[in-house]
Amino acid sequence: QKTITALLTKADGSFFSVGEDGFVIRWTHDGIGEHYQVTDLKVKKIALHPNGKHVAIYEPDGYSVHRVSMWDWSSLTRTFVITLNSEVTALDFTAKGSYLAIGTSSVDGLIMVNPSNGQTIPNKIKQYTGIVTMFTSSSTEKSAVMYSPTGNILYYDLLKGTLKTKITTETNLTDVGTFLNNRLLVGLKNNLLYIIDATNGQTLKGLDAKNAH
């Protein structure tokens, strides 16, 4: 199994991994974990709800099928499925779990979904984001920071659904994330790990990262 990603659950120290064989695994301290094949497609992305109980996964077939499904891990039941017309480029819950953010490669860009029923929330994002490959909300869910591979850090007001600030930075970063309360952004490009000041887009450091993914 090729592992795609892993997410820490802060409550008990376990984490989830997903693979191209359709398995989702919750790894526990005993090193054995809970292994379940939830789809016959590959799983490319996973997002963990802050409650540690629900996970959203992205299942593409590599051609025309682009599916996001929500799972209740405690009962191993699928609560809803969303079928999309384009590739999913970002998948994450907001900090309190009120929304599921789905970045797409379509002209609509990011959409916001109700995690309890899978319904799209109209006009939650009133200005199109374009393609974004990273989404992280503030702890209050009042704002969010996103990364566009065109080389922009985007700050959105989630209450108004509008763009607050656009900051120019490195283009075409992959595996992008934030830390230090969203003050720093990290991403990979050309075997380097970039550490970027998210407030001004300036690269602080590039570290050798051969074979990182």
Protein backbone atom coordinates (compact mmCIF):
# COMPACT_ATOMS: atom_id res chain seq x y z
CA GLN A 1 0.00 0.00 0.00
CA LYS A 2 1.26 3.43 -0.90
CA THR A 3 0.49 5.89 1.88
CA ILE A 4 -0.82 9.23 0.65
CA THR A 5 -1.25 11.24 3.81
CA ALA A 6 -1.57 10.99 7.58
CA LEU A 7 -3.41 13.09 10.12
CA LEU A 8 -2.94 13.24 13.87
CA THR A 9 -5.92 12.98 16.20
CA LYS A 10 -4.98 15.02 19.22
CA ALA A 11 -7.34 13.22 21.60
CA ASP A 12 -5.52 9.88 21.74
CA GLY A 13 -2.41 10.26 19.57
CA SER A 14 -3.70 7.97 16.82
CA PHE A 15 -3.51 8.99 13.17
CA PHE A 16 -5.09 8.08 9.86
CA SER A 17 -3.38 7.05 6.64
CA VAL A 18 -4.91 6.35 3.24
CA GLY A 19 -3.63 4.58 0.17
CA GLU A 20 -4.13 3.88 -3.49
CA ASP A 21 -5.71 0.53 -2.63
CA GLY A 22 -8.82 2.20 -1.15
CA PHE A 23 -7.88 1.50 2.47
CA VAL A 24 -8.22 3.94 5.35
CA ILE A 25 -6.21 2.99 8.42
CA ARG A 26 -6.45 4.44 11.88
CA TRP A 27 -3.09 3.72 13.50
CA THR A 28 -3.07 3.29 17.26
CA HIS A 29 -0.34 3.09 19.88
CA ASP A 30 -0.20 -0.71 19.62
CA GLY A 31 1.13 -0.38 16.06
CA ILE A 32 -1.64 -2.55 14.64
CA GLY A 33 -4.41 -0.08 13.95
CA GLU A 34 -7.83 -0.46 12.34
CA HIS A 35 -7.71 -1.28 8.61
CA TYR A 36 -10.78 -0.85 6.40
CA GLN A 37 -11.17 -0.79 2.65
CA VAL A 38 -13.83 1.85 2.11
CA THR A 39 -13.72 2.12 -1.69
CA ASP A 40 -12.59 0.25 -4.79
CA LEU A 41 -10.97 3.48 -6.01
CA LYS A 42 -7.73 5.04 -4.82
CA VAL A 43 -7.95 7.52 -1.94
CA LYS A 44 -5.92 10.66 -2.64
CA LYS A 45 -6.94 12.99 0.19
CA ILE A 46 -8.34 12.71 3.70
CA ALA A 47 -9.58 15.32 6.15
CA LEU A 48 -10.27 14.67 9.81
CA HIS A 49 -13.12 16.47 11.57
CA PRO A 50 -12.09 18.20 14.83
CA ASN A 51 -14.33 15.78 16.71
CA GLY A 52 -11.92 12.97 15.74
CA LYS A 53 -14.89 10.86 14.69
CA HIS A 54 -15.68 11.83 11.10
CA VAL A 55 -13.37 11.70 8.11
CA ALA A 56 -13.85 12.98 4.58
CA ILE A 57 -12.00 11.28 1.74
CA TYR A 58 -11.45 12.08 -1.94
CA GLU A 59 -11.81 9.11 -4.31
CA PRO A 60 -10.89 9.61 -7.98
CA ASP A 61 -10.63 6.95 -10.68
CA GLY A 62 -7.96 8.89 -12.57
CA TYR A 63 -10.35 9.86 -15.36
CA SER A 64 -13.84 11.20 -14.87
CA VAL A 65 -14.92 10.12 -11.38
CA HIS A 66 -14.27 12.63 -8.59
CA ARG A 67 -16.02 11.68 -5.38
CA VAL A 68 -15.89 13.07 -1.84
CA SER A 69 -17.47 10.91 0.85
CA MET A 70 -17.97 11.40 4.57
CA TRP A 71 -17.50 8.53 7.00
CA ASP A 72 -18.50 8.08 10.62
CA TRP A 73 -15.50 6.12 11.87
CA SER A 74 -17.21 5.04 15.09
CA SER A 75 -19.85 3.08 13.16
CA LEU A 76 -17.97 2.65 9.86
CA THR A 77 -20.89 4.08 7.95
CA ARG A 78 -20.81 6.44 5.00
CA THR A 79 -23.04 9.42 5.73
CA PHE A 80 -23.03 11.08 2.31
CA VAL A 81 -21.31 11.19 -1.08
CA ILE A 82 -20.62 14.24 -3.24
CA THR A 83 -19.95 13.70 -6.95
CA LEU A 84 -17.93 16.45 -8.61
CA ASN A 85 -17.09 17.25 -12.21
CA SER A 86 -13.43 18.13 -11.64
CA GLU A 87 -10.37 17.19 -9.63
CA VAL A 88 -10.31 17.93 -5.91
CA THR A 89 -7.24 20.03 -5.13
CA ALA A 90 -7.82 20.71 -1.42
CA LEU A 91 -9.88 19.09 1.33
CA ASP A 92 -10.13 20.29 4.91
CA PHE A 93 -12.54 21.10 7.71
CA THR A 94 -12.70 24.49 9.34
CA ALA A 95 -11.24 24.68 12.85
CA LYS A 96 -14.51 23.95 14.67
CA GLY A 97 -15.82 21.55 12.04
CA SER A 98 -18.68 23.81 10.95
CA TYR A 99 -17.78 23.49 7.27
CA LEU A 100 -15.96 21.18 4.89
CA ALA A 101 -13.90 23.11 2.33
CA ILE A 102 -13.40 21.43 -1.04
CA GLY A 103 -10.99 23.00 -3.50
CA THR A 104 -11.62 22.05 -7.13
CA SER A 105 -9.91 22.57 -10.47
CA SER A 106 -13.11 24.02 -11.93
CA VAL A 107 -13.76 27.71 -12.54
CA ASP A 108 -15.72 27.80 -9.26
CA GLY A 109 -12.61 26.97 -7.26
CA LEU A 110 -13.39 26.34 -3.59
CA ILE A 111 -16.82 25.28 -2.37
CA MET A 112 -18.08 25.06 1.20
CA VAL A 113 -20.17 22.11 2.32
CA ASN A 114 -22.31 21.32 5.35
CA PRO A 115 -20.48 18.33 6.93
CA SER A 116 -23.66 16.91 8.41
CA ASN A 117 -25.50 16.39 5.11
CA GLY A 118 -23.15 17.17 2.23
CA GLN A 119 -25.15 20.11 0.95
CA THR A 120 -23.21 22.92 -0.69
CA ILE A 121 -23.61 26.23 1.15
CA PRO A 122 -24.46 28.84 -1.51
CA ASN A 123 -22.58 32.14 -1.41
CA LYS A 124 -20.42 31.15 1.56
CA ILE A 125 -17.55 32.13 -0.73
CA LYS A 126 -18.90 34.99 -2.85
CA GLN A 127 -15.69 35.70 -4.77
CA TYR A 128 -14.26 32.82 -6.77
CA THR A 129 -10.97 31.60 -5.35
CA GLY A 130 -9.64 29.97 -8.50
CA ILE A 131 -7.64 26.77 -7.99
CA VAL A 132 -6.33 26.46 -4.44
CA THR A 133 -4.33 23.53 -3.09
CA MET A 134 -4.41 24.43 0.61
CA PHE A 135 -7.15 25.73 2.92
CA THR A 136 -6.83 26.50 6.63
CA SER A 137 -9.34 28.44 8.69
CA SER A 138 -8.67 30.57 11.73
CA SER A 139 -9.58 29.11 15.12
CA THR A 140 -12.70 31.29 15.16
CA GLU A 141 -13.72 30.26 11.60
CA LYS A 142 -14.08 33.96 10.76
CA SER A 143 -11.28 33.89 8.19
CA ALA A 144 -9.18 31.48 6.17
CA VAL A 145 -5.87 31.37 4.36
CA MET A 146 -5.52 29.55 1.04
CA TYR A 147 -2.64 28.86 -1.33
CA SER A 148 -2.90 29.13 -5.11
CA PRO A 149 -0.24 27.41 -7.25
CA THR A 150 -0.14 30.54 -9.39
CA GLY A 151 1.91 31.96 -6.50
CA ASN A 152 -0.62 33.65 -4.26
CA ILE A 153 -1.52 33.44 -0.60
CA LEU A 154 -5.19 34.34 -0.30
CA TYR A 155 -6.88 35.59 2.85
CA TYR A 156 -10.67 35.34 2.86
CA ASP A 157 -13.27 36.76 5.22
CA LEU A 158 -15.51 33.73 5.87
CA LEU A 159 -18.26 35.88 7.39
CA LYS A 160 -18.59 38.01 4.26
CA GLY A 161 -17.29 35.45 1.79
CA THR A 162 -14.93 37.95 0.21
CA LEU A 163 -11.22 38.23 -0.48
CA LYS A 164 -9.38 40.34 2.11
CA THR A 165 -5.80 40.20 0.89
CA LYS A 166 -3.74 38.56 -1.87
CA ILE A 167 -0.01 38.15 -1.30
CA THR A 168 2.48 37.10 -3.97
CA THR A 169 4.80 34.21 -3.13
CA GLU A 170 6.47 31.11 -4.62
CA THR A 171 4.61 29.38 -7.47
CA ASN A 172 3.76 25.70 -7.85
CA LEU A 173 4.42 24.54 -4.30
CA THR A 174 3.05 21.11 -3.40
CA ASP A 175 2.06 19.55 -0.07
CA VAL A 176 1.40 23.02 1.29
CA GLY A 177 0.52 23.58 4.95
CA THR A 178 0.70 26.19 7.68
CA PHE A 179 1.99 26.30 11.24
CA LEU A 180 2.59 28.78 14.08
CA ASN A 181 -1.05 29.84 14.03
CA ASN A 182 -1.01 30.25 10.21
CA ARG A 183 1.89 32.70 10.36
CA LEU A 184 4.23 30.44 8.38
CA LEU A 185 3.54 28.47 5.23
CA VAL A 186 5.52 25.42 4.08
CA GLY A 187 5.60 23.64 0.73
CA LEU A 188 7.76 21.52 -1.56
CA LYS A 189 9.28 22.39 -4.93
CA ASN A 190 12.32 21.12 -6.81
CA ASN A 191 13.49 18.95 -3.90
CA LEU A 192 13.40 21.91 -1.53
CA LEU A 193 11.16 22.55 1.46
CA TYR A 194 10.18 26.22 1.43
CA ILE A 195 9.34 28.03 4.65
CA ILE A 196 7.48 31.24 3.88
CA ASP A 197 6.27 34.17 5.95
CA ALA A 198 2.54 34.01 5.25
CA THR A 199 2.10 37.70 6.12
CA ASN A 200 4.28 38.96 3.27
CA GLY A 201 5.06 35.99 1.01
CA GLN A 202 8.81 36.16 1.56
CA THR A 203 10.78 32.90 1.61
CA LEU A 204 12.57 32.55 4.94
CA LYS A 205 14.40 29.32 4.22
CA GLY A 206 14.76 26.56 1.66
CA LEU A 207 15.77 23.20 3.06
CA ASP A 208 16.98 20.14 1.15
CA ALA A 209 14.05 17.73 0.86
CA LYS A 210 15.01 15.06 -1.67
CA ASN A 211 12.50 12.20 -1.87
CA ALA A 212 10.02 14.10 0.32
CA HIS A 213 6.32 13.82 -0.49
